[in-house]
Amino acid sequence: MVDCLRAGQVCAAEFSTLEIIDLHDRTIGKLFNTAKNKHQQQFQASGKAINDKVRLYGRIGQALIHTKQNGGDPFASIKAVMPWHTFAASVTEAQTLERPASGLAYKNLRFVS
């Protein structure tokens, strides 16, 4: 009888451990899903600004290529697309839109709350 009682305690302890591990896994999974959703929402919110910057730098790049081929002034070609102070501000804004390179996912832990 004493052996059965001890076996029952061991069995109950194993069951409790499994419940704790399961609870831990669900909690961590929920945290990472929340972080993933926050990241996706932030990316979608900044998507328009990112696309605008890509189009802008495409236009500036084309102007610079044309200027290089014709031996002109590269700064004048940028000014032809937009005023210099606007260009400088767009560079600063582009830096705020930057995302970490792949493989640096640990930086996205800021989304875990």
C-alpha atoms as a PDB file:
ATOM      1  CA  MET A   1       0.000   0.000   0.000  1.00  0.00           C
ATOM      2  CA  VAL A   2       2.823   2.403   0.870  1.00  0.00           C
ATOM      3  CA  ASP A   3       4.483   1.653  -2.497  1.00  0.00           C
ATOM      4  CA  CYS A   4       1.283   2.536  -4.344  1.00  0.00           C
ATOM      5  CA  LEU A   5       1.045   5.791  -2.437  1.00  0.00           C
ATOM      6  CA  ARG A   6       4.623   6.668  -3.335  1.00  0.00           C
ATOM      7  CA  ALA A   7       4.016   5.673  -6.958  1.00  0.00           C
ATOM      8  CA  GLY A   8       0.922   7.883  -6.959  1.00  0.00           C
ATOM      9  CA  GLN A   9       2.957  10.826  -5.680  1.00  0.00           C
ATOM     10  CA  VAL A  10       5.576  10.290  -8.392  1.00  0.00           C
ATOM     11  CA  CYS A  11       2.856  10.047 -11.020  1.00  0.00           C
ATOM     12  CA  ALA A  12       1.193  13.238  -9.725  1.00  0.00           C
ATOM     13  CA  ALA A  13       4.545  15.048  -9.670  1.00  0.00           C
ATOM     14  CA  GLU A  14       5.260  14.029 -13.277  1.00  0.00           C
ATOM     15  CA  PHE A  15       1.781  15.173 -14.319  1.00  0.00           C
ATOM     16  CA  SER A  16       2.260  18.534 -12.591  1.00  0.00           C
ATOM     17  CA  THR A  17       5.636  18.975 -14.310  1.00  0.00           C
ATOM     18  CA  LEU A  18       4.052  18.271 -17.683  1.00  0.00           C
ATOM     19  CA  GLU A  19       1.290  20.789 -16.944  1.00  0.00           C
ATOM     20  CA  ILE A  20       3.878  23.423 -15.985  1.00  0.00           C
ATOM     21  CA  ILE A  21       5.898  22.798 -19.169  1.00  0.00           C
ATOM     22  CA  ASP A  22       2.718  23.010 -21.257  1.00  0.00           C
ATOM     23  CA  LEU A  23       1.722  26.275 -19.571  1.00  0.00           C
ATOM     24  CA  HIS A  24       5.225  27.663 -20.162  1.00  0.00           C
ATOM     25  CA  ASP A  25       5.107  26.690 -23.856  1.00  0.00           C
ATOM     26  CA  ARG A  26       1.686  28.307 -24.327  1.00  0.00           C
ATOM     27  CA  THR A  27       2.787  31.500 -22.545  1.00  0.00           C
ATOM     28  CA  ILE A  28       5.975  31.850 -24.601  1.00  0.00           C
ATOM     29  CA  GLY A  29       4.059  31.048 -27.792  1.00  0.00           C
ATOM     30  CA  LYS A  30       1.506  33.738 -26.984  1.00  0.00           C
ATOM     31  CA  LEU A  31       4.269  36.297 -26.309  1.00  0.00           C
ATOM     32  CA  PHE A  32       5.982  35.583 -29.612  1.00  0.00           C
ATOM     33  CA  ASN A  33       2.696  35.661 -31.533  1.00  0.00           C
ATOM     34  CA  THR A  34       1.929  39.042 -29.966  1.00  0.00           C
ATOM     35  CA  ALA A  35       5.379  40.315 -30.936  1.00  0.00           C
ATOM     36  CA  LYS A  36       4.968  38.995 -34.474  1.00  0.00           C
ATOM     37  CA  ASN A  37       1.583  40.715 -34.833  1.00  0.00           C
ATOM     38  CA  LYS A  38       2.970  44.022 -33.513  1.00  0.00           C
ATOM     39  CA  HIS A  39       5.869  43.797 -35.962  1.00  0.00           C
ATOM     40  CA  GLN A  40       3.517  43.115 -38.894  1.00  0.00           C
ATOM     41  CA  GLN A  41       1.249  46.009 -37.925  1.00  0.00           C
ATOM     42  CA  GLN A  42       4.208  48.378 -37.640  1.00  0.00           C
ATOM     43  CA  PHE A  43       5.598  47.199 -40.976  1.00  0.00           C
ATOM     44  CA  GLN A  44       2.236  47.706 -42.685  1.00  0.00           C
ATOM     45  CA  ALA A  45       1.913  51.160 -41.156  1.00  0.00           C
ATOM     46  CA  SER A  46       5.327  52.173 -42.463  1.00  0.00           C
ATOM     47  CA  GLY A  47       4.885  50.355 -45.797  1.00  0.00           C
ATOM     48  CA  LYS A  48       3.640  53.431 -47.658  1.00  0.00           C
ATOM     49  CA  ALA A  49       6.549  55.529 -46.438  1.00  0.00           C
ATOM     50  CA  ILE A  50       8.995  52.776 -47.436  1.00  0.00           C
ATOM     51  CA  ASN A  51       7.495  52.585 -50.930  1.00  0.00           C
ATOM     52  CA  ASP A  52       7.642  56.376 -51.261  1.00  0.00           C
ATOM     53  CA  LYS A  53      11.339  56.330 -50.338  1.00  0.00           C
ATOM     54  CA  VAL A  54      12.076  53.546 -52.824  1.00  0.00           C
ATOM     55  CA  ARG A  55      10.385  55.514 -55.617  1.00  0.00           C
ATOM     56  CA  LEU A  56      12.180  58.721 -54.598  1.00  0.00           C
ATOM     57  CA  TYR A  57      15.613  57.080 -54.474  1.00  0.00           C
ATOM     58  CA  GLY A  58      14.871  55.400 -57.800  1.00  0.00           C
ATOM     59  CA  ARG A  59      14.268  58.842 -59.350  1.00  0.00           C
ATOM     60  CA  ILE A  60      17.403  60.258 -57.710  1.00  0.00           C
ATOM     61  CA  GLY A  61      19.421  57.238 -58.837  1.00  0.00           C
ATOM     62  CA  GLN A  62      18.246  57.649 -62.431  1.00  0.00           C
ATOM     63  CA  ALA A  63      19.163  61.349 -62.310  1.00  0.00           C
ATOM     64  CA  LEU A  64      22.631  60.499 -60.947  1.00  0.00           C
ATOM     65  CA  ILE A  65      23.206  57.834 -63.607  1.00  0.00           C
ATOM     66  CA  HIS A  66      22.169  60.269 -66.349  1.00  0.00           C
ATOM     67  CA  THR A  67      24.456  62.947 -64.875  1.00  0.00           C
ATOM     68  CA  LYS A  68      27.402  60.525 -64.664  1.00  0.00           C
ATOM     69  CA  GLN A  69      26.934  59.481 -68.306  1.00  0.00           C
ATOM     70  CA  ASN A  70      26.843  63.126 -69.420  1.00  0.00           C
ATOM     71  CA  GLY A  71      29.629  64.344 -67.137  1.00  0.00           C
ATOM     72  CA  GLY A  72      27.450  66.714 -65.109  1.00  0.00           C
ATOM     73  CA  ASP A  73      27.314  67.804 -61.492  1.00  0.00           C
ATOM     74  CA  PRO A  74      25.764  65.083 -59.287  1.00  0.00           C
ATOM     75  CA  PHE A  75      24.575  67.600 -56.691  1.00  0.00           C
ATOM     76  CA  ALA A  76      22.770  69.579 -59.375  1.00  0.00           C
ATOM     77  CA  SER A  77      21.041  66.397 -60.550  1.00  0.00           C
ATOM     78  CA  ILE A  78      19.744  65.772 -57.013  1.00  0.00           C
ATOM     79  CA  LYS A  79      18.580  69.386 -56.779  1.00  0.00           C
ATOM     80  CA  ALA A  80      16.743  68.906 -60.092  1.00  0.00           C
ATOM     81  CA  VAL A  81      14.674  66.144 -58.490  1.00  0.00           C
ATOM     82  CA  MET A  82      14.119  67.922 -55.162  1.00  0.00           C
ATOM     83  CA  PRO A  83      15.586  70.696 -53.007  1.00  0.00           C
ATOM     84  CA  TRP A  84      18.701  69.678 -51.069  1.00  0.00           C
ATOM     85  CA  HIS A  85      17.141  70.199 -47.608  1.00  0.00           C
ATOM     86  CA  THR A  86      14.225  67.947 -48.599  1.00  0.00           C
ATOM     87  CA  PHE A  87      16.670  65.281 -49.770  1.00  0.00           C
ATOM     88  CA  ALA A  88      18.611  65.499 -46.492  1.00  0.00           C
ATOM     89  CA  ALA A  89      15.362  65.156 -44.510  1.00  0.00           C
ATOM     90  CA  SER A  90      14.340  62.131 -46.616  1.00  0.00           C
ATOM     91  CA  VAL A  91      17.635  60.404 -45.780  1.00  0.00           C
ATOM     92  CA  THR A  92      16.973  60.907 -42.075  1.00  0.00           C
ATOM     93  CA  GLU A  93      13.428  59.570 -42.462  1.00  0.00           C
ATOM     94  CA  ALA A  94      14.699  56.558 -44.426  1.00  0.00           C
ATOM     95  CA  GLN A  95      17.020  55.703 -41.554  1.00  0.00           C
ATOM     96  CA  THR A  96      14.061  55.625 -39.159  1.00  0.00           C
ATOM     97  CA  LEU A  97      12.250  53.206 -41.500  1.00  0.00           C
ATOM     98  CA  GLU A  98      15.168  50.777 -41.616  1.00  0.00           C
ATOM     99  CA  ARG A  99      14.513  47.229 -40.428  1.00  0.00           C
ATOM    100  CA  PRO A 100      17.120  44.870 -38.977  1.00  0.00           C
ATOM    101  CA  ALA A 101      18.786  42.540 -41.462  1.00  0.00           C
ATOM    102  CA  SER A 102      17.590  38.952 -41.460  1.00  0.00           C
ATOM    103  CA  GLY A 103      19.393  36.900 -38.859  1.00  0.00           C
ATOM    104  CA  LEU A 104      19.128  39.737 -36.350  1.00  0.00           C
ATOM    105  CA  ALA A 105      15.691  38.755 -35.124  1.00  0.00           C
ATOM    106  CA  TYR A 106      16.706  39.307 -31.507  1.00  0.00           C
ATOM    107  CA  LYS A 107      16.358  43.035 -32.130  1.00  0.00           C
ATOM    108  CA  ASN A 108      12.615  42.450 -32.613  1.00  0.00           C
ATOM    109  CA  LEU A 109      12.298  41.377 -28.974  1.00  0.00           C
ATOM    110  CA  ARG A 110      11.288  44.962 -28.236  1.00  0.00           C
ATOM    111  CA  PHE A 111       7.849  43.938 -29.526  1.00  0.00           C
ATOM    112  CA  VAL A 112       7.480  41.347 -26.738  1.00  0.00           C
ATOM    113  CA  SER A 113       5.497  42.918 -23.934  1.00  0.00           C
END
